[in-house]
Amino acid sequence: MSDSAAPRLAPLPVRDWDTDTRAMFRGHLSSAEKYLSGAPDAPAMPGILGILAHHTALASAWLAYNGLLLERPTVDPCDRELVILRVAWRSGSDYEWAQHVRIATGLGVTPAQIDAVRHGPQAPVWSAVQRCLLAMTDQLLDRHRVDDATWAQLAQHFDNRQLIELLFIAGSYLCLALVLNSVALQPDPEREERS
């Protein structure tokens, strides 16, 4: 999807993280210790975390905010992932796409649905609600506003908290895609193989 092969800003290697950065990640990610353990079998740090490590204060705020969307959602995680995948596809974010294909697959989103995200709300695999979520995402990306008809359909299926959360999911992952595309972060190799 992207047009840049060489990263503009490489993830900061864990060996270069200071004590404050390590402590901040431990405070925000339940999985931090497995990456920071230094054990021979420790998994590679995801590239996005290495990018965030360049700015510890911003990383702290982002991880707290994003943690709410991922760990304490009011929206069904499969619905969330469809919105994120549509944002990733439309914005050309290879990294975001690869990460969220893996997450969506783990939640039970089918390969046919993941493929259909590329085709948008018109694909025949979607339920009425899923079609509406993808239309919402496209409208936000194209016009920066959900139209009245789509909003009315969404409001039949989602309460006010969920409606706000859906808007923030689309906006947040567009923001993240802009960052990832601009620094030219490449998909994590082990993630790429699984997607």
N, C-alpha and C. Protein backbone atom coordinates (compact mmCIF):
# COMPACT_ATOMS: atom_id res chain seq x y z
N MET A 1 0.81 -1.20 0.00
CA MET A 1 0.00 0.00 0.00
C MET A 1 0.85 1.26 0.00
N SER A 2 1.98 1.25 0.70
CA SER A 2 2.77 2.47 0.83
C SER A 2 3.73 2.64 -0.34
N ASP A 3 4.28 3.85 -0.45
CA ASP A 3 5.22 4.12 -1.54
C ASP A 3 6.65 4.30 -1.06
N SER A 4 6.91 4.05 0.21
CA SER A 4 8.24 4.24 0.76
C SER A 4 8.76 2.93 1.35
N ALA A 5 9.95 2.53 0.92
CA ALA A 5 10.52 1.27 1.41
C ALA A 5 11.42 1.48 2.62
N ALA A 6 12.04 2.63 2.70
CA ALA A 6 13.00 2.87 3.79
C ALA A 6 12.33 3.71 4.89
N PRO A 7 12.45 3.26 6.14
CA PRO A 7 11.88 4.04 7.23
C PRO A 7 12.52 5.43 7.33
N ARG A 8 11.70 6.43 7.58
CA ARG A 8 12.22 7.78 7.81
C ARG A 8 12.65 7.95 9.26
N LEU A 9 11.95 7.24 10.14
CA LEU A 9 12.26 7.28 11.56
C LEU A 9 12.17 5.84 12.04
N ALA A 10 13.29 5.28 12.41
CA ALA A 10 13.32 3.89 12.85
C ALA A 10 12.82 3.78 14.28
N PRO A 11 12.19 2.67 14.63
CA PRO A 11 11.82 2.46 16.03
C PRO A 11 13.06 2.52 16.92
N LEU A 12 12.91 3.14 18.07
CA LEU A 12 14.02 3.24 19.02
C LEU A 12 14.26 1.85 19.61
N PRO A 13 15.46 1.30 19.45
CA PRO A 13 15.73 -0.04 20.00
C PRO A 13 15.59 -0.05 21.52
N VAL A 14 15.09 -1.15 22.05
CA VAL A 14 14.87 -1.28 23.49
C VAL A 14 16.15 -1.01 24.26
N ARG A 15 17.28 -1.41 23.73
CA ARG A 15 18.56 -1.20 24.45
C ARG A 15 18.84 0.29 24.68
N ASP A 16 18.19 1.17 23.89
CA ASP A 16 18.39 2.61 24.03
C ASP A 16 17.31 3.30 24.88
N TRP A 17 16.36 2.53 25.40
CA TRP A 17 15.31 3.11 26.21
C TRP A 17 15.86 3.45 27.59
N ASP A 18 15.50 4.63 28.10
CA ASP A 18 15.92 4.99 29.45
C ASP A 18 14.94 4.40 30.47
N THR A 19 15.27 4.56 31.73
CA THR A 19 14.48 4.00 32.82
C THR A 19 13.05 4.54 32.80
N ASP A 20 12.88 5.83 32.54
CA ASP A 20 11.54 6.43 32.52
C ASP A 20 10.68 5.85 31.41
N THR A 21 11.28 5.64 30.25
CA THR A 21 10.54 5.08 29.12
C THR A 21 10.10 3.65 29.43
N ARG A 22 11.02 2.88 29.99
CA ARG A 22 10.68 1.49 30.36
C ARG A 22 9.56 1.47 31.40
N ALA A 23 9.66 2.35 32.39
CA ALA A 23 8.64 2.40 33.45
C ALA A 23 7.29 2.82 32.89
N MET A 24 7.30 3.77 31.97
CA MET A 24 6.05 4.23 31.37
C MET A 24 5.38 3.09 30.61
N PHE A 25 6.15 2.34 29.82
CA PHE A 25 5.56 1.23 29.07
C PHE A 25 5.04 0.15 30.01
N ARG A 26 5.78 -0.13 31.07
CA ARG A 26 5.30 -1.12 32.05
C ARG A 26 4.00 -0.65 32.71
N GLY A 27 3.85 0.64 32.88
CA GLY A 27 2.64 1.17 33.50
C GLY A 27 1.42 1.17 32.59
N HIS A 28 1.64 1.10 31.29
CA HIS A 28 0.52 1.19 30.35
C HIS A 28 0.22 -0.11 29.61
N LEU A 29 1.17 -1.02 29.53
CA LEU A 29 0.96 -2.24 28.76
C LEU A 29 1.14 -3.46 29.64
N SER A 30 0.10 -4.26 29.73
CA SER A 30 0.22 -5.48 30.53
C SER A 30 1.24 -6.44 29.93
N SER A 31 1.48 -6.32 28.62
CA SER A 31 2.44 -7.21 27.94
C SER A 31 3.86 -6.65 27.90
N ALA A 32 4.09 -5.50 28.50
CA ALA A 32 5.40 -4.85 28.39
C ALA A 32 6.54 -5.72 28.87
N GLU A 33 6.34 -6.42 29.96
CA GLU A 33 7.44 -7.18 30.56
C GLU A 33 7.99 -8.25 29.62
N LYS A 34 7.11 -8.87 28.83
CA LYS A 34 7.61 -9.91 27.92
C LYS A 34 8.56 -9.31 26.87
N TYR A 35 8.33 -8.07 26.49
CA TYR A 35 9.21 -7.41 25.52
C TYR A 35 10.48 -6.86 26.18
N LEU A 36 10.34 -6.41 27.43
CA LEU A 36 11.44 -5.74 28.11
C LEU A 36 12.29 -6.67 28.97
N SER A 37 11.93 -7.92 29.04
CA SER A 37 12.59 -8.85 29.96
C SER A 37 14.07 -9.07 29.66
N GLY A 38 14.46 -8.92 28.40
CA GLY A 38 15.84 -9.21 28.03
C GLY A 38 16.12 -10.69 27.91
N ALA A 39 15.10 -11.52 28.10
CA ALA A 39 15.27 -12.97 27.99
C ALA A 39 15.60 -13.35 26.55
N PRO A 40 16.38 -14.42 26.36
CA PRO A 40 16.74 -14.84 25.01
C PRO A 40 15.53 -15.12 24.12
N ASP A 41 14.43 -15.57 24.72
CA ASP A 41 13.24 -15.88 23.93
C ASP A 41 12.21 -14.74 23.94
N ALA A 42 12.61 -13.55 24.41
CA ALA A 42 11.69 -12.41 24.44
C ALA A 42 11.31 -12.04 23.00
N PRO A 43 10.02 -11.78 22.77
CA PRO A 43 9.61 -11.39 21.42
C PRO A 43 10.16 -10.01 21.06
N ALA A 44 10.27 -9.78 19.78
CA ALA A 44 10.73 -8.47 19.30
C ALA A 44 9.69 -7.41 19.67
N MET A 45 10.17 -6.25 20.06
CA MET A 45 9.29 -5.14 20.38
C MET A 45 8.53 -4.73 19.11
N PRO A 46 7.20 -4.61 19.18
CA PRO A 46 6.47 -4.12 18.01
C PRO A 46 6.98 -2.74 17.60
N GLY A 47 7.06 -2.55 16.30
CA GLY A 47 7.61 -1.30 15.77
C GLY A 47 6.90 -0.06 16.27
N ILE A 48 5.57 -0.12 16.41
CA ILE A 48 4.84 1.04 16.87
C ILE A 48 5.30 1.48 18.25
N LEU A 49 5.62 0.53 19.12
CA LEU A 49 6.09 0.90 20.46
C LEU A 49 7.48 1.53 20.39
N GLY A 50 8.30 1.06 19.47
CA GLY A 50 9.60 1.67 19.26
C GLY A 50 9.50 3.09 18.73
N ILE A 51 8.50 3.35 17.90
CA ILE A 51 8.27 4.71 17.41
C ILE A 51 7.81 5.60 18.57
N LEU A 52 6.86 5.11 19.34
CA LEU A 52 6.36 5.90 20.48
C LEU A 52 7.44 6.16 21.51
N ALA A 53 8.42 5.28 21.62
CA ALA A 53 9.50 5.45 22.60
C ALA A 53 10.36 6.70 22.33
N HIS A 54 10.26 7.26 21.14
CA HIS A 54 10.98 8.50 20.84
C HIS A 54 10.41 9.69 21.61
N HIS A 55 9.18 9.56 22.11
CA HIS A 55 8.51 10.68 22.81
C HIS A 55 7.71 10.09 23.97
N THR A 56 8.36 9.92 25.10
CA THR A 56 7.78 9.20 26.23
C THR A 56 6.49 9.85 26.74
N ALA A 57 6.44 11.16 26.86
CA ALA A 57 5.25 11.82 27.39
C ALA A 57 4.06 11.62 26.45
N LEU A 58 4.29 11.78 25.15
CA LEU A 58 3.23 11.57 24.19
C LEU A 58 2.81 10.10 24.18
N ALA A 59 3.78 9.20 24.26
CA ALA A 59 3.48 7.76 24.29
C ALA A 59 2.60 7.43 25.48
N SER A 60 2.88 8.01 26.62
CA SER A 60 2.09 7.76 27.82
C SER A 60 0.64 8.15 27.60
N ALA A 61 0.43 9.34 27.06
CA ALA A 61 -0.93 9.82 26.82
C ALA A 61 -1.63 8.96 25.77
N TRP A 62 -0.93 8.64 24.69
CA TRP A 62 -1.53 7.84 23.62
C TRP A 62 -1.90 6.44 24.12
N LEU A 63 -1.00 5.80 24.85
CA LEU A 63 -1.26 4.44 25.32
C LEU A 63 -2.42 4.40 26.31
N ALA A 64 -2.54 5.42 27.15
CA ALA A 64 -3.67 5.47 28.08
C ALA A 64 -4.98 5.63 27.31
N TYR A 65 -4.99 6.52 26.36
CA TYR A 65 -6.19 6.77 25.54
C TYR A 65 -6.53 5.56 24.68
N ASN A 66 -5.55 5.05 23.96
CA ASN A 66 -5.78 3.92 23.07
C ASN A 66 -6.12 2.65 23.86
N GLY A 67 -5.56 2.53 25.05
CA GLY A 67 -5.88 1.40 25.91
C GLY A 67 -7.36 1.33 26.23
N LEU A 68 -7.99 2.48 26.40
CA LEU A 68 -9.43 2.52 26.64
C LEU A 68 -10.18 1.94 25.45
N LEU A 69 -9.79 2.31 24.24
CA LEU A 69 -10.47 1.82 23.04
C LEU A 69 -10.28 0.32 22.85
N LEU A 70 -9.10 -0.19 23.22
CA LEU A 70 -8.79 -1.60 22.98
C LEU A 70 -9.15 -2.51 24.15
N GLU A 71 -8.98 -2.03 25.36
CA GLU A 71 -9.12 -2.90 26.53
C GLU A 71 -10.43 -2.72 27.30
N ARG A 72 -11.09 -1.57 27.13
CA ARG A 72 -12.35 -1.34 27.83
C ARG A 72 -13.39 -0.74 26.87
N PRO A 73 -13.62 -1.41 25.76
CA PRO A 73 -14.52 -0.84 24.76
C PRO A 73 -16.00 -0.97 25.15
N THR A 74 -16.80 -0.06 24.63
CA THR A 74 -18.25 -0.22 24.71
C THR A 74 -18.76 -0.81 23.40
N VAL A 75 -17.94 -0.75 22.36
CA VAL A 75 -18.27 -1.28 21.03
C VAL A 75 -17.71 -2.69 20.92
N ASP A 76 -18.46 -3.57 20.26
CA ASP A 76 -17.97 -4.93 20.02
C ASP A 76 -16.61 -4.87 19.33
N PRO A 77 -15.61 -5.59 19.83
CA PRO A 77 -14.27 -5.55 19.23
C PRO A 77 -14.24 -5.89 17.74
N CYS A 78 -15.11 -6.77 17.28
CA CYS A 78 -15.14 -7.08 15.84
C CYS A 78 -15.59 -5.86 15.04
N ASP A 79 -16.58 -5.13 15.54
CA ASP A 79 -17.01 -3.89 14.87
C ASP A 79 -15.88 -2.88 14.86
N ARG A 80 -15.20 -2.74 15.99
CA ARG A 80 -14.05 -1.82 16.08
C ARG A 80 -13.02 -2.17 15.03
N GLU A 81 -12.70 -3.45 14.90
CA GLU A 81 -11.65 -3.86 13.96
C GLU A 81 -12.06 -3.62 12.52
N LEU A 82 -13.34 -3.77 12.18
CA LEU A 82 -13.77 -3.46 10.81
C LEU A 82 -13.53 -1.98 10.49
N VAL A 83 -13.84 -1.12 11.46
CA VAL A 83 -13.61 0.32 11.26
C VAL A 83 -12.11 0.58 11.10
N ILE A 84 -11.30 0.01 11.97
CA ILE A 84 -9.85 0.24 11.90
C ILE A 84 -9.29 -0.30 10.60
N LEU A 85 -9.71 -1.48 10.19
CA LEU A 85 -9.20 -2.04 8.93
C LEU A 85 -9.60 -1.17 7.74
N ARG A 86 -10.80 -0.63 7.75
CA ARG A 86 -11.20 0.24 6.64
C ARG A 86 -10.34 1.51 6.63
N VAL A 87 -10.08 2.08 7.79
CA VAL A 87 -9.20 3.25 7.88
C VAL A 87 -7.81 2.88 7.36
N ALA A 88 -7.28 1.75 7.81
CA ALA A 88 -5.94 1.32 7.39
C ALA A 88 -5.88 1.13 5.88
N TRP A 89 -6.89 0.48 5.32
CA TRP A 89 -6.89 0.24 3.88
C TRP A 89 -6.99 1.55 3.10
N ARG A 90 -7.95 2.38 3.49
CA ARG A 90 -8.17 3.64 2.76
C ARG A 90 -7.00 4.60 2.89
N SER A 91 -6.29 4.55 4.03
CA SER A 91 -5.16 5.47 4.24
C SER A 91 -3.84 4.88 3.74
N GLY A 92 -3.87 3.62 3.29
CA GLY A 92 -2.65 2.99 2.78
C GLY A 92 -1.63 2.68 3.85
N SER A 93 -2.09 2.41 5.07
CA SER A 93 -1.16 2.15 6.18
C SER A 93 -0.86 0.66 6.27
N ASP A 94 0.25 0.25 5.70
CA ASP A 94 0.65 -1.17 5.72
C ASP A 94 0.79 -1.69 7.14
N TYR A 95 1.42 -0.90 8.00
CA TYR A 95 1.65 -1.36 9.38
C TYR A 95 0.31 -1.56 10.09
N GLU A 96 -0.55 -0.56 10.03
CA GLU A 96 -1.84 -0.65 10.72
C GLU A 96 -2.66 -1.81 10.16
N TRP A 97 -2.64 -1.99 8.85
CA TRP A 97 -3.37 -3.07 8.22
C TRP A 97 -2.87 -4.43 8.75
N ALA A 98 -1.57 -4.65 8.72
CA ALA A 98 -1.01 -5.93 9.14
C ALA A 98 -1.33 -6.22 10.61
N GLN A 99 -1.17 -5.22 11.47
CA GLN A 99 -1.45 -5.41 12.90
C GLN A 99 -2.91 -5.77 13.13
N HIS A 100 -3.81 -5.07 12.43
CA HIS A 100 -5.22 -5.25 12.72
C HIS A 100 -5.84 -6.42 11.95
N VAL A 101 -5.21 -6.87 10.90
CA VAL A 101 -5.63 -8.15 10.31
C VAL A 101 -5.39 -9.25 11.34
N ARG A 102 -4.24 -9.20 11.98
CA ARG A 102 -3.92 -10.19 13.01
C ARG A 102 -4.92 -10.13 14.17
N ILE A 103 -5.21 -8.92 14.64
CA ILE A 103 -6.14 -8.76 15.76
C ILE A 103 -7.55 -9.22 15.36
N ALA A 104 -8.00 -8.76 14.20
CA ALA A 104 -9.34 -9.12 13.73
C ALA A 104 -9.49 -10.63 13.55
N THR A 105 -8.47 -11.25 12.98
CA THR A 105 -8.50 -12.70 12.80
C THR A 105 -8.63 -13.41 14.14
N GLY A 106 -7.89 -12.94 15.12
CA GLY A 106 -7.96 -13.51 16.47
C GLY A 106 -9.33 -13.35 17.11
N LEU A 107 -10.08 -12.35 16.68
CA LEU A 107 -11.43 -12.12 17.22
C LEU A 107 -12.50 -12.88 16.45
N GLY A 108 -12.10 -13.52 15.35
CA GLY A 108 -13.07 -14.29 14.58
C GLY A 108 -13.57 -13.63 13.31
N VAL A 109 -13.01 -12.48 12.94
CA VAL A 109 -13.36 -11.88 11.66
C VAL A 109 -12.80 -12.82 10.58
N THR A 110 -13.63 -13.17 9.62
CA THR A 110 -13.26 -14.18 8.64
C THR A 110 -12.33 -13.62 7.56
N PRO A 111 -11.57 -14.49 6.91
CA PRO A 111 -10.75 -14.03 5.78
C PRO A 111 -11.58 -13.36 4.69
N ALA A 112 -12.79 -13.86 4.45
CA ALA A 112 -13.65 -13.24 3.44
C ALA A 112 -14.04 -11.81 3.84
N GLN A 113 -14.30 -11.61 5.14
CA GLN A 113 -14.63 -10.27 5.60
C GLN A 113 -13.42 -9.34 5.52
N ILE A 114 -12.26 -9.86 5.90
CA ILE A 114 -11.05 -9.03 5.81
C ILE A 114 -10.80 -8.62 4.37
N ASP A 115 -10.96 -9.56 3.44
CA ASP A 115 -10.80 -9.23 2.03
C ASP A 115 -11.84 -8.21 1.59
N ALA A 116 -13.07 -8.35 2.08
CA ALA A 116 -14.16 -7.45 1.69
C ALA A 116 -13.98 -6.04 2.21
N VAL A 117 -13.20 -5.87 3.28
CA VAL A 117 -12.93 -4.51 3.78
C VAL A 117 -12.36 -3.66 2.66
N ARG A 118 -11.54 -4.25 1.82
CA ARG A 118 -10.93 -3.52 0.70
C ARG A 118 -11.98 -2.96 -0.26
N HIS A 119 -13.12 -3.64 -0.35
CA HIS A 119 -14.17 -3.25 -1.30
C HIS A 119 -15.23 -2.35 -0.69
N GLY A 120 -15.18 -2.19 0.62
CA GLY A 120 -16.07 -1.26 1.29
C GLY A 120 -17.45 -1.80 1.58
N PRO A 121 -18.38 -0.88 1.86
CA PRO A 121 -19.71 -1.28 2.32
C PRO A 121 -20.55 -2.02 1.27
N GLN A 122 -20.17 -1.94 0.01
CA GLN A 122 -20.97 -2.58 -1.03
C GLN A 122 -20.75 -4.09 -1.12
N ALA A 123 -19.69 -4.60 -0.50
CA ALA A 123 -19.40 -6.03 -0.58
C ALA A 123 -20.58 -6.83 -0.01
N PRO A 124 -20.92 -7.94 -0.64
CA PRO A 124 -22.12 -8.70 -0.23
C PRO A 124 -21.99 -9.45 1.10
N VAL A 125 -20.81 -9.53 1.68
CA VAL A 125 -20.65 -10.31 2.92
C VAL A 125 -21.18 -9.60 4.16
N TRP A 126 -21.45 -8.31 4.07
CA TRP A 126 -21.75 -7.52 5.26
C TRP A 126 -23.19 -7.63 5.72
N SER A 127 -23.36 -7.61 7.03
CA SER A 127 -24.70 -7.42 7.61
C SER A 127 -25.05 -5.93 7.44
N ALA A 128 -26.30 -5.59 7.72
CA ALA A 128 -26.71 -4.19 7.62
C ALA A 128 -25.89 -3.31 8.55
N VAL A 129 -25.61 -3.77 9.76
CA VAL A 129 -24.84 -2.98 10.72
C VAL A 129 -23.40 -2.82 10.24
N GLN A 130 -22.80 -3.89 9.78
CA GLN A 130 -21.42 -3.81 9.29
C GLN A 130 -21.32 -2.88 8.09
N ARG A 131 -22.30 -2.95 7.20
CA ARG A 131 -22.32 -2.07 6.03
C ARG A 131 -22.38 -0.61 6.49
N CYS A 132 -23.18 -0.37 7.51
CA CYS A 132 -23.32 0.99 8.04
C CYS A 132 -22.02 1.47 8.68
N LEU A 133 -21.32 0.59 9.41
CA LEU A 133 -20.04 0.96 10.02
C LEU A 133 -19.01 1.34 8.95
N LEU A 134 -18.97 0.59 7.87
CA LEU A 134 -18.02 0.89 6.81
C LEU A 134 -18.41 2.16 6.06
N ALA A 135 -19.71 2.38 5.87
CA ALA A 135 -20.17 3.63 5.25
C ALA A 135 -19.79 4.83 6.13
N MET A 136 -20.00 4.68 7.45
CA MET A 136 -19.62 5.73 8.39
C MET A 136 -18.14 6.07 8.24
N THR A 137 -17.31 5.03 8.19
CA THR A 137 -15.87 5.23 8.09
C THR A 137 -15.51 5.95 6.80
N ASP A 138 -16.09 5.52 5.69
CA ASP A 138 -15.82 6.19 4.41
C ASP A 138 -16.26 7.64 4.43
N GLN A 139 -17.41 7.90 5.02
CA GLN A 139 -17.88 9.28 5.08
C GLN A 139 -16.96 10.15 5.93
N LEU A 140 -16.49 9.63 7.03
CA LEU A 140 -15.55 10.39 7.86
C LEU A 140 -14.26 10.68 7.10
N LEU A 141 -13.78 9.70 6.35
CA LEU A 141 -12.54 9.90 5.59
C LEU A 141 -12.74 10.85 4.42
N ASP A 142 -13.89 10.76 3.77
CA ASP A 142 -14.13 11.56 2.57
C ASP A 142 -14.64 12.97 2.87
N ARG A 143 -15.56 13.06 3.86
CA ARG A 143 -16.24 14.34 4.10
C ARG A 143 -16.05 14.88 5.51
N HIS A 144 -15.36 14.08 6.34
CA HIS A 144 -15.11 14.45 7.73
C HIS A 144 -16.39 14.64 8.54
N ARG A 145 -17.42 13.91 8.13
CA ARG A 145 -18.72 13.99 8.79
C ARG A 145 -19.55 12.80 8.36
N VAL A 146 -20.30 12.24 9.29
CA VAL A 146 -21.24 11.18 8.98
C VAL A 146 -22.54 11.81 8.51
N ASP A 147 -23.10 11.33 7.38
CA ASP A 147 -24.33 11.94 6.88
C ASP A 147 -25.53 11.55 7.75
N ASP A 148 -26.63 12.24 7.56
CA ASP A 148 -27.81 12.06 8.42
C ASP A 148 -28.38 10.64 8.32
N ALA A 149 -28.45 10.10 7.12
CA ALA A 149 -29.05 8.77 6.95
C ALA A 149 -28.20 7.70 7.65
N THR A 150 -26.89 7.79 7.50
CA THR A 150 -26.01 6.81 8.14
C THR A 150 -26.06 6.97 9.66
N TRP A 151 -26.09 8.20 10.12
CA TRP A 151 -26.18 8.44 11.57
C TRP A 151 -27.46 7.84 12.14
N ALA A 152 -28.56 8.04 11.45
CA ALA A 152 -29.84 7.50 11.92
C ALA A 152 -29.79 5.97 11.98
N GLN A 153 -29.17 5.35 11.00
CA GLN A 153 -29.04 3.88 11.01
C GLN A 153 -28.15 3.43 12.16
N LEU A 154 -27.03 4.12 12.36
CA LEU A 154 -26.13 3.77 13.47
C LEU A 154 -26.86 3.89 14.81
N ALA A 155 -27.65 4.96 14.96
CA ALA A 155 -28.34 5.22 16.22
C ALA A 155 -29.38 4.15 16.55
N GLN A 156 -29.79 3.37 15.57
CA GLN A 156 -30.71 2.26 15.82
C GLN A 156 -30.00 1.07 16.47
N HIS A 157 -28.69 1.02 16.33
CA HIS A 157 -27.92 -0.14 16.79
C HIS A 157 -26.95 0.17 17.92
N PHE A 158 -26.60 1.44 18.10
CA PHE A 158 -25.58 1.81 19.07
C PHE A 158 -26.10 2.91 19.97
N ASP A 159 -25.73 2.86 21.27
CA ASP A 159 -26.14 3.93 22.17
C ASP A 159 -25.18 5.12 22.02
N ASN A 160 -25.44 6.19 22.76
CA ASN A 160 -24.66 7.42 22.59
C ASN A 160 -23.18 7.21 22.89
N ARG A 161 -22.86 6.45 23.94
CA ARG A 161 -21.44 6.18 24.25
C ARG A 161 -20.78 5.45 23.10
N GLN A 162 -21.46 4.48 22.55
CA GLN A 162 -20.89 3.71 21.45
C GLN A 162 -20.73 4.56 20.19
N LEU A 163 -21.70 5.43 19.94
CA LEU A 163 -21.58 6.31 18.76
C LEU A 163 -20.34 7.19 18.87
N ILE A 164 -20.13 7.79 20.04
CA ILE A 164 -18.95 8.63 20.24
C ILE A 164 -17.69 7.78 20.09
N GLU A 165 -17.70 6.58 20.68
CA GLU A 165 -16.53 5.72 20.60
C GLU A 165 -16.21 5.34 19.15
N LEU A 166 -17.22 5.05 18.35
CA LEU A 166 -16.99 4.71 16.95
C LEU A 166 -16.32 5.86 16.20
N LEU A 167 -16.77 7.08 16.47
CA LEU A 167 -16.15 8.24 15.83
C LEU A 167 -14.69 8.38 16.25
N PHE A 168 -14.43 8.18 17.53
CA PHE A 168 -13.06 8.27 18.01
C PHE A 168 -12.18 7.14 17.49
N ILE A 169 -12.74 5.97 17.31
CA ILE A 169 -11.96 4.87 16.73
C ILE A 169 -11.50 5.26 15.33
N ALA A 170 -12.42 5.70 14.51
CA ALA A 170 -12.05 6.08 13.14
C ALA A 170 -11.03 7.21 13.15
N GLY A 171 -11.29 8.24 13.94
CA GLY A 171 -10.38 9.38 13.98
C GLY A 171 -9.03 9.05 14.56
N SER A 172 -9.01 8.25 15.61
CA SER A 172 -7.75 7.89 16.26
C SER A 172 -6.88 7.05 15.35
N TYR A 173 -7.49 6.10 14.67
CA TYR A 173 -6.69 5.23 13.81
C TYR A 173 -6.32 5.92 12.50
N LEU A 174 -7.06 6.94 12.09
CA LEU A 174 -6.59 7.76 10.98
C LEU A 174 -5.36 8.54 11.42
N CYS A 175 -5.41 9.14 12.61
CA CYS A 175 -4.25 9.85 13.15
C CYS A 175 -3.03 8.93 13.20
N LEU A 176 -3.22 7.74 13.72
CA LEU A 176 -2.12 6.80 13.82
C LEU A 176 -1.61 6.41 12.44
N ALA A 177 -2.51 6.19 11.49
CA ALA A 177 -2.09 5.86 10.12
C ALA A 177 -1.25 6.98 9.51
N LEU A 178 -1.63 8.22 9.77
CA LEU A 178 -0.86 9.36 9.24
C LEU A 178 0.56 9.35 9.79
N VAL A 179 0.68 9.06 11.07
CA VAL A 179 2.00 8.98 11.70
C VAL A 179 2.79 7.81 11.12
N LEU A 180 2.19 6.64 11.09
CA LEU A 180 2.88 5.45 10.60
C LEU A 180 3.30 5.59 9.15
N ASN A 181 2.44 6.16 8.32
CA ASN A 181 2.79 6.38 6.91
C ASN A 181 3.92 7.39 6.78
N SER A 182 3.88 8.43 7.59
CA SER A 182 4.88 9.49 7.47
C SER A 182 6.27 9.07 7.95
N VAL A 183 6.32 8.20 8.97
CA VAL A 183 7.63 7.71 9.41
C VAL A 183 8.05 6.48 8.61
N ALA A 184 7.14 5.99 7.75
CA ALA A 184 7.36 4.82 6.89
C ALA A 184 7.68 3.56 7.69
N LEU A 185 6.91 3.37 8.77
CA LEU A 185 7.10 2.16 9.59
C LEU A 185 6.63 0.95 8.80
N GLN A 186 7.50 -0.03 8.68
CA GLN A 186 7.19 -1.26 7.96
C GLN A 186 6.53 -2.26 8.90
N PRO A 187 5.67 -3.14 8.37
CA PRO A 187 5.03 -4.15 9.23
C PRO A 187 6.08 -4.99 9.99
N ASP A 188 5.73 -5.38 11.20
CA ASP A 188 6.60 -6.26 11.97
C ASP A 188 6.69 -7.59 11.23
N PRO A 189 7.89 -8.11 11.00
CA PRO A 189 8.03 -9.34 10.21
C PRO A 189 7.21 -10.51 10.72
N GLU A 190 7.23 -10.76 12.02
CA GLU A 190 6.47 -11.91 12.53
C GLU A 190 4.98 -11.69 12.39
N ARG A 191 4.53 -10.44 12.42
CA ARG A 191 3.11 -10.14 12.24
C ARG A 191 2.74 -10.32 10.78
N GLU A 192 3.61 -9.88 9.88
CA GLU A 192 3.35 -9.95 8.45
C GLU A 192 3.16 -11.40 8.02
N GLU A 193 3.94 -12.31 8.55
CA GLU A 193 3.84 -13.71 8.17
C GLU A 193 2.51 -14.33 8.56
N ARG A 194 1.92 -13.82 9.66
CA ARG A 194 0.67 -14.41 10.14
C ARG A 194 -0.55 -13.83 9.46
N SER A 195 -0.44 -12.69 8.78
CA SER A 195 -1.62 -12.06 8.23
C SER A 195 -1.95 -12.51 6.84
